[in-house]
Amino acid sequence: MVGPPIAAGPVPSAPRLSAAKRDRRQPFRRGDGPVRALVLHGLSGSPHEVRPFAEALADLGLAVDVPLLPGHDDVEALARVGADEWLDAARAAFDRLADGASHVAVVGFSMGALLTLCLCAERAPSIRAAVCAGTPLELAPSSQVAVDGLRRLHAAIPGAHPFAPVAKGLPDVRLASEAVSNPGVMAFPTTALAALADLQARARAALDRIRCPLGLLHGLHDHTAPVTNVDTVAAQASSPRIETRILPESFHLVGVDLEAPAAIRFVRDFVQRHVLAPTHEPPYQEPSA
């Protein structure tokens, strides 16, 4: 996700992205080894915001895949998809990556972190470790009230034509150059915001089924997803190994903000310890009935 969910008034349409910004939105794949990582971006975002994490993992020798999630071509496309489509895409990308892999890690940012939590519960035996950055299990209070209301409204009017999209302010990032050059979708369809609330509920329900090592990364001054989300996830997830890193100067987009080197180092070192380093612990297995 880029910026607080509701930052300005309705807009009739969104300006077109420049060619340079469109190029930076493209999916990213690198490597073909047996140890692999799926890296997932946020709502209205793109592979650009998580590419630094993927490149660091590729430098460690992992084969990485950073897909562009459904609907993230433009505002109109985003209005036609929801939590089911995002989850199905994440599952499909993970299953392709896991086929023939020795170990797989998942890294998710913002909405991608919610997808990561769901995958950790659903694909528990296959995920060696996961990192969630800027996890929006709860948004800032006023934004959370708004998306919860939209979820109820859209549930009450199934199949309704999407309401006018909601304009975004600048991305929730402290680094000025990133704020003006970020290539995210330029507005939020209200259907997508309602779907985000749906995905929050699914991720919350998944927490007690997470068994893999879990890294939690967050900016202290995150205006989109308060830093208290770290404590919530850590308290409710069932993973026996949880590591946290709070970046004291960062906003929401930690992978491209002022402390990006520290954020990248946390992701890289966590994956190196729990995926690449030799271990005597067997991978998690589902308990027998």
Protein backbone atom coordinates (compact mmCIF):
# COMPACT_ATOMS: atom_id res chain seq x y z
CA MET A 1 0.00 0.00 0.00
CA VAL A 2 1.19 3.50 -0.76
CA GLY A 3 0.08 6.23 1.62
CA PRO A 4 -2.84 6.38 4.03
CA PRO A 5 -5.85 4.58 2.52
CA ILE A 6 -8.06 7.65 2.35
CA ALA A 7 -6.15 10.85 1.83
CA ALA A 8 -8.29 13.13 -0.32
CA GLY A 9 -11.65 13.50 -2.03
CA PRO A 10 -13.11 11.43 -4.85
CA VAL A 11 -11.54 11.71 -8.28
CA PRO A 12 -13.28 10.94 -11.58
CA SER A 13 -10.19 9.40 -13.11
CA ALA A 14 -6.49 9.01 -12.39
CA PRO A 15 -3.65 10.53 -14.40
CA ARG A 16 -1.67 8.14 -16.59
CA LEU A 17 1.72 7.02 -15.39
CA SER A 18 4.80 8.09 -17.30
CA ALA A 19 6.68 5.50 -19.35
CA ALA A 20 9.52 5.56 -16.80
CA LYS A 21 7.13 4.81 -13.93
CA ARG A 22 5.44 2.04 -15.92
CA ASP A 23 8.83 0.42 -16.47
CA ARG A 24 9.50 0.42 -12.72
CA ARG A 25 6.20 -1.37 -12.05
CA GLN A 26 7.12 -4.52 -13.97
CA PRO A 27 7.36 -7.98 -12.34
CA PHE A 28 10.85 -9.02 -11.36
CA ARG A 29 12.39 -12.49 -11.55
CA ARG A 30 15.96 -13.54 -11.06
CA GLY A 31 17.81 -16.80 -10.52
CA ASP A 32 16.86 -20.45 -10.95
CA GLY A 33 18.29 -22.31 -7.95
CA PRO A 34 16.49 -24.68 -5.58
CA VAL A 35 16.21 -22.17 -2.72
CA ARG A 36 13.56 -19.63 -3.63
CA ALA A 37 11.65 -16.58 -2.39
CA LEU A 38 8.29 -15.07 -3.26
CA VAL A 39 8.11 -11.31 -2.63
CA LEU A 40 4.72 -9.55 -2.58
CA HIS A 41 3.91 -5.84 -2.87
CA GLY A 42 1.14 -3.76 -1.30
CA LEU A 43 -2.28 -2.44 -2.30
CA SER A 44 -2.01 0.07 -5.18
CA GLY A 45 1.75 -0.54 -5.17
CA SER A 46 4.03 -2.49 -7.46
CA PRO A 47 7.16 -4.68 -7.49
CA HIS A 48 9.18 -1.46 -7.27
CA GLU A 49 8.51 -1.06 -3.54
CA VAL A 50 9.80 -4.55 -2.68
CA ARG A 51 12.43 -5.01 -5.37
CA PRO A 52 15.29 -4.04 -3.00
CA PHE A 53 14.36 -7.02 -0.80
CA ALA A 54 14.21 -9.35 -3.80
CA GLU A 55 17.55 -8.18 -5.16
CA ALA A 56 19.23 -8.72 -1.79
CA LEU A 57 17.87 -12.27 -1.62
CA ALA A 58 18.93 -12.93 -5.21
CA ASP A 59 22.43 -11.78 -4.25
CA LEU A 60 22.39 -14.54 -1.60
CA GLY A 61 21.69 -17.06 -4.35
CA LEU A 62 17.92 -17.43 -4.01
CA ALA A 63 15.69 -17.58 -7.06
CA VAL A 64 13.23 -14.74 -6.54
CA ASP A 65 9.83 -13.93 -8.01
CA VAL A 66 8.08 -10.57 -7.53
CA PRO A 67 4.74 -10.66 -9.36
CA LEU A 68 2.47 -7.72 -10.13
CA LEU A 69 -0.70 -8.61 -8.25
CA PRO A 70 -4.07 -8.67 -10.06
CA GLY A 71 -5.67 -5.31 -10.77
CA HIS A 72 -2.52 -3.29 -10.30
CA ASP A 73 -2.28 -2.09 -13.88
CA ASP A 74 -4.55 0.91 -13.26
CA VAL A 75 -7.46 2.16 -11.15
CA GLU A 76 -10.12 0.62 -13.38
CA ALA A 77 -8.50 -2.81 -13.20
CA LEU A 78 -8.08 -2.55 -9.43
CA ALA A 79 -11.82 -1.91 -9.06
CA ARG A 80 -12.57 -5.30 -10.66
CA VAL A 81 -10.62 -7.52 -8.23
CA GLY A 82 -10.63 -8.28 -4.52
CA ALA A 83 -9.24 -10.47 -1.79
CA ASP A 84 -10.03 -13.74 -3.59
CA GLU A 85 -8.11 -12.70 -6.69
CA TRP A 86 -5.12 -11.45 -4.71
CA LEU A 87 -4.99 -14.62 -2.62
CA ASP A 88 -5.40 -16.87 -5.65
CA ALA A 89 -2.55 -15.07 -7.41
CA ALA A 90 -0.30 -15.36 -4.36
CA ARG A 91 -1.11 -19.07 -4.01
CA ALA A 92 -0.44 -19.73 -7.68
CA ALA A 93 2.84 -17.83 -7.64
CA PHE A 94 3.93 -19.67 -4.50
CA ASP A 95 2.98 -23.10 -5.88
CA ARG A 96 4.91 -22.46 -9.10
CA LEU A 97 7.93 -21.37 -7.11
CA ALA A 98 7.72 -24.27 -4.66
CA ASP A 99 7.59 -26.89 -7.42
CA GLY A 100 11.02 -28.52 -7.32
CA ALA A 101 12.37 -26.18 -4.64
CA SER A 102 14.35 -27.34 -1.62
CA HIS A 103 13.30 -24.39 0.57
CA VAL A 104 10.98 -21.43 0.01
CA ALA A 105 10.73 -18.11 1.86
CA VAL A 106 7.97 -15.51 1.51
CA VAL A 107 8.42 -11.78 2.01
CA GLY A 108 5.44 -9.44 1.95
CA PHE A 109 4.97 -5.70 2.33
CA SER A 110 1.72 -4.05 3.48
CA MET A 111 -1.14 -5.88 1.75
CA GLY A 112 1.53 -8.34 0.63
CA ALA A 113 2.25 -8.96 4.31
CA LEU A 114 -1.41 -9.91 4.85
CA LEU A 115 -1.14 -12.31 1.90
CA THR A 116 2.07 -13.69 3.41
CA LEU A 117 0.33 -14.42 6.73
CA CYS A 118 -2.42 -16.27 4.88
CA LEU A 119 0.10 -18.28 2.86
CA CYS A 120 2.03 -19.18 6.00
CA ALA A 121 -1.12 -20.75 7.43
CA GLU A 122 -2.21 -22.45 4.21
CA ARG A 123 1.18 -23.68 2.98
CA ALA A 124 2.75 -24.30 6.40
CA PRO A 125 4.84 -27.39 5.53
CA SER A 126 6.33 -25.71 2.47
CA ILE A 127 7.36 -22.30 3.83
CA ARG A 128 10.72 -22.29 5.57
CA ALA A 129 10.49 -18.68 6.83
CA ALA A 130 8.58 -15.46 6.20
CA VAL A 131 9.07 -11.73 6.67
CA CYS A 132 6.19 -9.25 6.96
CA ALA A 133 6.95 -5.54 6.53
CA GLY A 134 4.50 -2.76 7.38
CA THR A 135 1.77 -5.28 8.21
CA PRO A 136 -1.63 -3.49 8.12
CA LEU A 137 -3.59 -5.85 10.33
CA GLU A 138 -5.10 -2.58 11.59
CA LEU A 139 -4.88 0.74 9.78
CA ALA A 140 -4.69 4.15 11.41
CA PRO A 141 -7.97 4.53 13.34
CA SER A 142 -9.85 6.86 10.99
CA SER A 143 -8.81 4.84 7.96
CA GLN A 144 -9.81 1.58 9.62
CA VAL A 145 -13.29 2.92 10.38
CA ALA A 146 -13.61 3.93 6.73
CA VAL A 147 -12.52 0.61 5.19
CA ASP A 148 -14.67 -1.37 7.64
CA GLY A 149 -17.64 0.77 6.63
CA LEU A 150 -16.90 0.22 2.95
CA ARG A 151 -16.69 -3.52 3.53
CA ARG A 152 -20.14 -3.54 5.12
CA LEU A 153 -21.53 -1.31 2.38
CA HIS A 154 -20.22 -3.46 -0.46
CA ALA A 155 -21.40 -6.61 1.31
CA ALA A 156 -24.87 -5.12 1.52
CA ILE A 157 -24.87 -4.26 -2.20
CA PRO A 158 -23.23 -7.26 -3.89
CA GLY A 159 -22.29 -6.70 -7.50
CA ALA A 160 -22.81 -2.97 -7.25
CA HIS A 161 -20.94 -0.80 -9.72
CA PRO A 162 -17.74 0.50 -8.06
CA PHE A 163 -18.08 3.82 -6.35
CA ALA A 164 -15.87 6.71 -7.42
CA PRO A 165 -12.20 6.04 -6.65
CA VAL A 166 -10.57 7.86 -3.76
CA ALA A 167 -7.53 9.99 -4.52
CA LYS A 168 -4.32 9.31 -2.65
CA GLY A 169 -1.99 11.78 -1.07
CA LEU A 170 1.75 11.41 -1.44
CA PRO A 171 3.14 7.96 -0.64
CA ASP A 172 3.78 7.26 3.04
CA VAL A 173 7.54 7.58 2.74
CA ARG A 174 9.94 10.04 4.30
CA LEU A 175 12.36 10.16 1.38
CA ALA A 176 11.20 13.05 -0.82
CA SER A 177 12.62 11.64 -4.06
CA GLU A 178 10.67 8.41 -3.55
CA ALA A 179 7.48 10.29 -2.68
CA VAL A 180 7.40 12.00 -6.07
CA SER A 181 8.68 9.11 -8.19
CA ASN A 182 6.81 6.14 -6.74
CA PRO A 183 4.98 4.34 -9.59
CA GLY A 184 1.93 3.11 -7.67
CA VAL A 185 -1.67 3.24 -8.88
CA MET A 186 -2.87 6.79 -8.41
CA ALA A 187 -6.18 6.22 -6.57
CA PHE A 188 -8.06 3.62 -4.51
CA PRO A 189 -11.32 2.16 -5.83
CA THR A 190 -13.65 1.81 -2.86
CA THR A 191 -14.12 -1.85 -3.81
CA ALA A 192 -10.40 -2.39 -3.26
CA LEU A 193 -10.53 -0.73 0.15
CA ALA A 194 -13.46 -2.96 1.12
CA ALA A 195 -11.46 -5.96 -0.10
CA LEU A 196 -8.52 -4.89 2.04
CA ALA A 197 -10.75 -5.07 5.14
CA ASP A 198 -11.78 -8.57 4.04
CA LEU A 199 -8.13 -9.57 3.69
CA GLN A 200 -7.33 -8.14 7.13
CA ALA A 201 -9.94 -10.45 8.65
CA ARG A 202 -8.54 -13.47 6.81
CA ALA A 203 -4.98 -12.69 7.90
CA ARG A 204 -6.08 -12.20 11.50
CA ALA A 205 -7.78 -15.61 11.44
CA ALA A 206 -4.60 -17.19 10.05
CA LEU A 207 -2.25 -16.05 12.82
CA ASP A 208 -2.66 -19.00 15.17
CA ARG A 209 -1.86 -21.42 12.34
CA ILE A 210 1.53 -19.92 11.51
CA ARG A 211 4.40 -22.21 12.46
CA CYS A 212 7.40 -21.02 10.45
CA PRO A 213 10.01 -18.50 11.65
CA LEU A 214 8.51 -15.04 11.25
CA GLY A 215 10.29 -11.71 10.86
CA LEU A 216 8.36 -8.48 11.51
CA LEU A 217 9.70 -5.22 10.08
CA HIS A 218 8.04 -1.82 10.56
CA GLY A 219 8.66 1.90 10.44
CA LEU A 220 8.18 3.64 13.77
CA HIS A 221 6.39 6.58 12.11
CA ASP A 222 4.17 4.53 9.79
CA HIS A 223 1.04 6.62 9.13
CA THR A 224 -0.74 3.84 7.22
CA ALA A 225 -0.35 0.86 9.55
CA PRO A 226 0.54 1.84 13.13
CA VAL A 227 3.65 0.23 14.57
CA THR A 228 1.46 -1.44 17.23
CA ASN A 229 0.68 -4.02 14.52
CA VAL A 230 4.04 -5.62 15.29
CA ASP A 231 3.00 -6.42 18.86
CA THR A 232 -0.39 -7.69 17.69
CA VAL A 233 1.08 -10.10 15.15
CA ALA A 234 3.83 -11.24 17.51
CA ALA A 235 1.33 -11.94 20.28
CA GLN A 236 -1.13 -13.87 18.15
CA ALA A 237 1.08 -15.80 15.71
CA SER A 238 1.97 -19.33 16.78
CA SER A 239 5.50 -19.29 15.39
CA PRO A 240 8.05 -20.26 18.07
CA ARG A 241 10.65 -17.99 16.43
CA ILE A 242 9.63 -14.36 15.91
CA GLU A 243 12.14 -11.55 15.32
CA THR A 244 11.21 -7.88 15.10
CA ARG A 245 12.92 -4.75 13.79
CA ILE A 246 11.50 -1.25 14.24
CA LEU A 247 13.11 1.41 12.06
CA PRO A 248 13.16 4.63 14.12
CA GLU A 249 13.15 7.13 11.24
CA SER A 250 10.95 5.35 8.67
CA PHE A 251 7.37 5.73 7.49
CA HIS A 252 5.40 2.95 5.75
CA LEU A 253 7.43 2.09 2.63
CA VAL A 254 10.42 0.74 4.54
CA GLY A 255 12.06 -0.91 1.54
CA VAL A 256 12.57 2.41 -0.25
CA ASP A 257 12.68 4.89 2.64
CA LEU A 258 15.56 6.57 4.50
CA GLU A 259 16.50 3.40 6.38
CA ALA A 260 16.16 1.06 3.41
CA PRO A 261 19.68 -0.38 3.95
CA ALA A 262 18.71 -1.46 7.48
CA ALA A 263 15.39 -2.88 6.25
CA ILE A 264 17.11 -4.82 3.48
CA ARG A 265 19.73 -6.10 5.91
CA PHE A 266 17.03 -7.36 8.28
CA VAL A 267 15.27 -9.28 5.49
CA ARG A 268 18.51 -10.67 4.09
CA ASP A 269 19.91 -11.75 7.46
CA PHE A 270 16.63 -13.28 8.60
CA VAL A 271 16.35 -15.38 5.45
CA GLN A 272 20.00 -16.32 5.64
CA ARG A 273 19.61 -17.57 9.22
CA HIS A 274 16.36 -19.44 8.80
CA VAL A 275 16.47 -20.61 5.19
CA LEU A 276 20.10 -20.90 4.12
CA ALA A 277 21.93 -21.65 7.37
CA PRO A 278 22.28 -25.34 8.29
CA THR A 279 19.79 -26.36 10.94
CA HIS A 280 19.10 -29.47 12.95
CA GLU A 281 15.42 -28.59 13.27
CA PRO A 282 13.17 -30.50 10.84
CA PRO A 283 10.73 -28.46 8.76
CA TYR A 284 7.28 -28.05 10.26
CA GLN A 285 4.86 -30.92 9.62
CA GLU A 286 1.11 -30.83 10.07
CA PRO A 287 0.09 -32.86 13.15
CA SER A 288 -1.53 -36.17 12.37
CA ALA A 289 -5.23 -36.48 12.98
